[in-house]
Amino acid sequence: MHVKALWRFPVKSLGGEELQQATFTPDGVEGDRLVHVQGPHGVLTGRTRYGLLTIPATTGPDGPLVDGHPWDSWQAHERVLPFGGRLTRYTGPERFDVLNVLVATDGQVEAAGVDVRRLRPNILIGGVEAGEEDGWPGHALVVGDVVIGMYKKRARCVVTTIDPDTGAQDLDVHRRIRHEFGGVLCLDSWVVQPGVVNVGDTVELVPTDELPAHVGGWIVGRPYAV
């Protein structure tokens, strides 16, 4: 197996950036989800504000950029104001919906017939047969010095129905995930041992007794802690 692709999402629920190299820290991919959109009653995400998913976000020398503008600039805030919120920096673990890394495999993505960007993984593992990852919880991926523990399969939501380029919705995407994959796709994972990962690196699967120290974020009802 090998690392086929890497992504970072500098702003929660905005577009992601594909990487050739990523630093995996105890807090997930370096620079991931450092900023979110805060509404009057808490965090706003693509689950209810579909248009957020089409706004480009990248990483600049001083932090996240929203459509090319520093996240704390007025130009960046203008991009999210129509969705009822403002950009806010928050680096606590609650910013991750379940755990701080999401793992996908090429076999399962191909079997699902979806654009992998709809699934918003941090790492795509290549050379995997469809269904093989069903037995991966309780194991870890070893990539050089990096160890990524895998906790459970990820329950998918309406975000998968949104085209990341156009914002158009296709409900059949989520229906298929429910009917053919039991509503779960990809693996909620976390960084056991940090380090640098490159596209093309060899990946080994090993059993592990490690468990994550923190599970759950805003999506599972933890209080909004900003």
Protein backbone atom coordinates (compact mmCIF):
# COMPACT_ATOMS: atom_id res chain seq x y z
CA MET A 1 0.00 0.00 0.00
CA HIS A 2 1.06 3.59 -0.48
CA VAL A 3 -0.02 7.17 0.18
CA LYS A 4 -2.01 8.18 -2.88
CA ALA A 5 -3.09 11.69 -1.84
CA LEU A 6 -3.07 14.12 1.08
CA TRP A 7 -5.39 17.01 1.99
CA ARG A 8 -5.65 19.80 4.51
CA PHE A 9 -8.75 21.87 5.30
CA PRO A 10 -7.50 25.19 6.74
CA VAL A 11 -11.07 26.41 7.39
CA LYS A 12 -13.70 23.98 8.62
CA SER A 13 -16.32 23.23 5.92
CA LEU A 14 -14.57 25.32 3.28
CA GLY A 15 -12.67 23.82 0.36
CA GLY A 16 -9.56 21.77 1.00
CA GLU A 17 -6.07 21.93 -0.45
CA GLU A 18 -4.30 18.90 -1.87
CA LEU A 19 -0.73 18.45 -0.64
CA GLN A 20 2.34 16.56 -1.73
CA GLN A 21 3.67 16.52 1.83
CA ALA A 22 1.92 16.86 5.18
CA THR A 23 3.16 17.09 8.74
CA PHE A 24 1.06 14.93 11.04
CA THR A 25 1.09 16.32 14.58
CA PRO A 26 -0.65 15.07 17.75
CA ASP A 27 -3.34 17.57 16.71
CA GLY A 28 -3.83 16.14 13.20
CA VAL A 29 -2.44 17.54 9.97
CA GLU A 30 -0.53 20.74 10.66
CA GLY A 31 -2.73 23.72 9.76
CA ASP A 32 -5.96 21.71 9.57
CA ARG A 33 -9.23 23.39 10.56
CA LEU A 34 -7.64 26.27 12.46
CA VAL A 35 -10.56 28.54 11.57
CA HIS A 36 -14.31 27.92 11.42
CA VAL A 37 -17.48 29.86 10.68
CA GLN A 38 -19.24 30.92 13.89
CA GLY A 39 -22.93 31.72 13.82
CA PRO A 40 -25.07 33.31 16.53
CA HIS A 41 -25.76 29.92 18.13
CA GLY A 42 -22.54 28.05 17.42
CA VAL A 43 -20.45 26.67 14.61
CA LEU A 44 -21.85 26.67 11.06
CA THR A 45 -20.83 23.90 8.69
CA GLY A 46 -21.54 22.56 5.24
CA ARG A 47 -24.24 20.32 6.71
CA THR A 48 -26.60 23.29 6.78
CA ARG A 49 -24.72 25.90 4.71
CA TYR A 50 -23.92 24.01 1.51
CA GLY A 51 -22.34 27.00 -0.21
CA LEU A 52 -19.48 27.09 2.28
CA LEU A 53 -18.10 23.91 0.73
CA THR A 54 -17.39 25.71 -2.56
CA ILE A 55 -15.33 28.57 -1.06
CA PRO A 56 -11.60 27.96 -1.63
CA ALA A 57 -9.33 27.83 1.40
CA THR A 58 -5.56 27.42 1.37
CA THR A 59 -2.64 28.02 3.72
CA GLY A 60 -0.56 31.17 3.49
CA PRO A 61 2.64 32.18 5.29
CA ASP A 62 0.62 33.65 8.17
CA GLY A 63 -2.26 31.18 8.34
CA PRO A 64 -5.41 30.22 6.44
CA LEU A 65 -6.46 32.11 3.33
CA VAL A 66 -10.09 32.33 2.22
CA ASP A 67 -10.38 32.75 -1.53
CA GLY A 68 -6.82 34.12 -1.46
CA HIS A 69 -7.41 36.59 1.40
CA PRO A 70 -6.09 36.32 4.98
CA TRP A 71 -8.83 34.70 7.06
CA ASP A 72 -9.11 37.69 9.41
CA SER A 73 -9.45 40.26 6.62
CA TRP A 74 -12.71 41.93 5.66
CA GLN A 75 -12.49 40.38 2.18
CA ALA A 76 -12.44 36.90 3.72
CA HIS A 77 -15.34 37.66 6.08
CA GLU A 78 -17.37 38.94 3.12
CA ARG A 79 -17.23 35.46 1.59
CA VAL A 80 -18.93 33.81 4.57
CA LEU A 81 -21.25 36.57 5.79
CA PRO A 82 -24.03 35.54 3.37
CA PHE A 83 -24.16 32.20 5.19
CA GLY A 84 -24.91 33.82 8.54
CA GLY A 85 -21.57 33.68 10.32
CA ARG A 86 -18.12 35.11 10.75
CA LEU A 87 -14.67 33.56 10.65
CA THR A 88 -13.24 32.60 14.03
CA ARG A 89 -9.97 30.97 15.02
CA TYR A 90 -10.20 28.08 17.45
CA THR A 91 -7.67 25.28 17.90
CA GLY A 92 -9.30 23.05 20.52
CA PRO A 93 -10.04 19.38 19.76
CA GLU A 94 -13.78 20.06 19.41
CA ARG A 95 -13.13 21.53 15.98
CA PHE A 96 -12.78 17.98 14.64
CA ASP A 97 -16.15 16.29 14.33
CA VAL A 98 -14.95 12.95 15.72
CA LEU A 99 -11.14 12.57 15.52
CA ASN A 100 -8.35 14.62 13.99
CA VAL A 101 -7.60 12.48 10.90
CA LEU A 102 -9.90 10.94 8.29
CA VAL A 103 -8.53 8.03 6.25
CA ALA A 104 -9.94 6.91 2.88
CA THR A 105 -8.92 4.06 0.59
CA ASP A 106 -8.88 4.05 -3.19
CA GLY A 107 -10.77 0.76 -3.40
CA GLN A 108 -13.71 1.97 -1.34
CA VAL A 109 -13.85 5.35 -3.07
CA GLU A 110 -13.91 3.63 -6.46
CA ALA A 111 -16.60 1.19 -5.29
CA ALA A 112 -18.71 4.09 -4.07
CA GLY A 113 -18.28 5.89 -7.38
CA VAL A 114 -17.85 9.31 -5.80
CA ASP A 115 -15.49 12.22 -6.17
CA VAL A 116 -13.12 11.68 -3.25
CA ARG A 117 -13.33 15.39 -2.40
CA ARG A 118 -16.93 14.88 -1.28
CA LEU A 119 -15.59 12.65 1.51
CA ARG A 120 -13.04 15.23 2.73
CA PRO A 121 -10.30 12.82 3.88
CA ASN A 122 -6.85 13.88 5.06
CA ILE A 123 -5.12 10.86 3.56
CA LEU A 124 -6.02 8.48 0.72
CA ILE A 125 -4.38 5.06 0.84
CA GLY A 126 -3.75 3.41 -2.52
CA GLY A 127 -3.51 -0.25 -3.40
CA VAL A 128 -6.47 -1.32 -1.25
CA GLU A 129 -9.25 -3.67 -2.35
CA ALA A 130 -12.81 -2.46 -1.77
CA GLY A 131 -14.06 -3.60 1.63
CA GLU A 132 -10.59 -4.41 2.92
CA GLU A 133 -10.65 -1.50 5.34
CA ASP A 134 -13.72 -2.90 7.12
CA GLY A 135 -11.28 -4.78 9.35
CA TRP A 136 -8.94 -1.85 9.93
CA PRO A 137 -10.39 -0.43 13.20
CA GLY A 138 -8.07 -1.59 15.96
CA HIS A 139 -5.12 -1.28 13.59
CA ALA A 140 -2.71 1.49 12.68
CA LEU A 141 -1.15 2.75 9.47
CA VAL A 142 2.62 3.07 9.67
CA VAL A 143 4.16 5.52 7.19
CA GLY A 144 7.86 5.87 7.94
CA ASP A 145 7.97 7.27 11.48
CA VAL A 146 4.28 8.26 11.44
CA VAL A 147 1.66 6.06 13.08
CA ILE A 148 -2.05 6.74 12.47
CA GLY A 149 -4.50 4.78 14.62
CA MET A 150 -7.89 3.87 13.17
CA TYR A 151 -10.87 3.97 15.51
CA LYS A 152 -14.05 3.23 13.54
CA LYS A 153 -15.81 3.62 10.20
CA ARG A 154 -17.16 7.12 9.60
CA ALA A 155 -20.91 7.75 9.42
CA ARG A 156 -21.53 10.02 6.43
CA CYS A 157 -23.81 13.04 6.25
CA VAL A 158 -25.42 15.32 3.70
CA VAL A 159 -22.07 16.99 2.91
CA THR A 160 -21.34 14.09 0.55
CA THR A 161 -24.23 15.21 -1.66
CA ILE A 162 -22.68 18.59 -2.47
CA ASP A 163 -20.51 19.10 -5.55
CA PRO A 164 -17.38 20.85 -4.19
CA ASP A 165 -17.03 22.92 -7.36
CA THR A 166 -20.59 24.03 -8.10
CA GLY A 167 -22.48 23.55 -4.84
CA ALA A 168 -25.13 21.53 -6.69
CA GLN A 169 -26.76 18.81 -4.62
CA ASP A 170 -27.12 15.18 -5.68
CA LEU A 171 -29.05 13.26 -3.03
CA ASP A 172 -28.37 9.98 -4.82
CA VAL A 173 -24.77 10.11 -3.54
CA HIS A 174 -25.85 9.81 0.08
CA ARG A 175 -28.59 7.31 -0.77
CA ARG A 176 -26.01 5.05 -2.34
CA ILE A 177 -23.69 5.34 0.66
CA ARG A 178 -26.60 4.40 2.93
CA HIS A 179 -27.94 1.55 0.84
CA GLU A 180 -24.66 -0.03 -0.34
CA PHE A 181 -22.25 0.84 2.47
CA GLY A 182 -24.48 1.04 5.53
CA GLY A 183 -24.04 4.81 5.70
CA VAL A 184 -20.34 4.56 6.60
CA LEU A 185 -17.32 5.37 4.46
CA CYS A 186 -13.70 6.19 5.45
CA LEU A 187 -12.20 5.77 8.92
CA ASP A 188 -12.15 8.09 11.91
CA SER A 189 -8.48 8.11 12.89
CA TRP A 190 -5.91 9.94 14.98
CA VAL A 191 -2.18 10.55 15.13
CA VAL A 192 -0.42 8.13 17.47
CA GLN A 193 3.11 9.13 16.47
CA PRO A 194 3.78 12.38 14.57
CA GLY A 195 6.03 13.05 11.60
CA VAL A 196 6.11 13.92 7.92
CA VAL A 197 4.21 11.99 5.22
CA ASN A 198 4.74 12.31 1.48
CA VAL A 199 2.58 11.21 -1.43
CA GLY A 200 4.03 7.92 -2.64
CA ASP A 201 5.28 6.77 0.78
CA THR A 202 4.86 3.08 1.58
CA VAL A 203 2.14 2.22 4.10
CA GLU A 204 2.08 -0.78 6.44
CA LEU A 205 -0.96 -1.99 8.39
CA VAL A 206 -0.27 -3.22 11.94
CA PRO A 207 -2.49 -4.14 14.92
CA THR A 208 -2.53 -1.72 17.86
CA ASP A 209 -3.95 -1.50 21.37
CA GLU A 210 -3.73 2.30 21.33
CA LEU A 211 -6.91 4.30 21.85
CA PRO A 212 -7.47 8.02 21.21
CA ALA A 213 -7.37 10.33 24.21
CA HIS A 214 -10.28 12.45 22.95
CA VAL A 215 -13.23 11.37 20.81
CA GLY A 216 -15.97 13.69 19.65
CA GLY A 217 -16.39 17.29 18.68
CA TRP A 218 -19.12 19.72 17.79
CA ILE A 219 -20.94 17.16 15.63
CA VAL A 220 -21.60 14.80 18.54
CA GLY A 221 -22.99 17.43 20.87
CA ARG A 222 -19.97 18.63 22.79
CA PRO A 223 -20.53 22.22 23.94
CA TYR A 224 -19.39 25.03 21.70
CA ALA A 225 -16.28 26.10 23.59
CA VAL A 226 -15.26 29.37 21.96
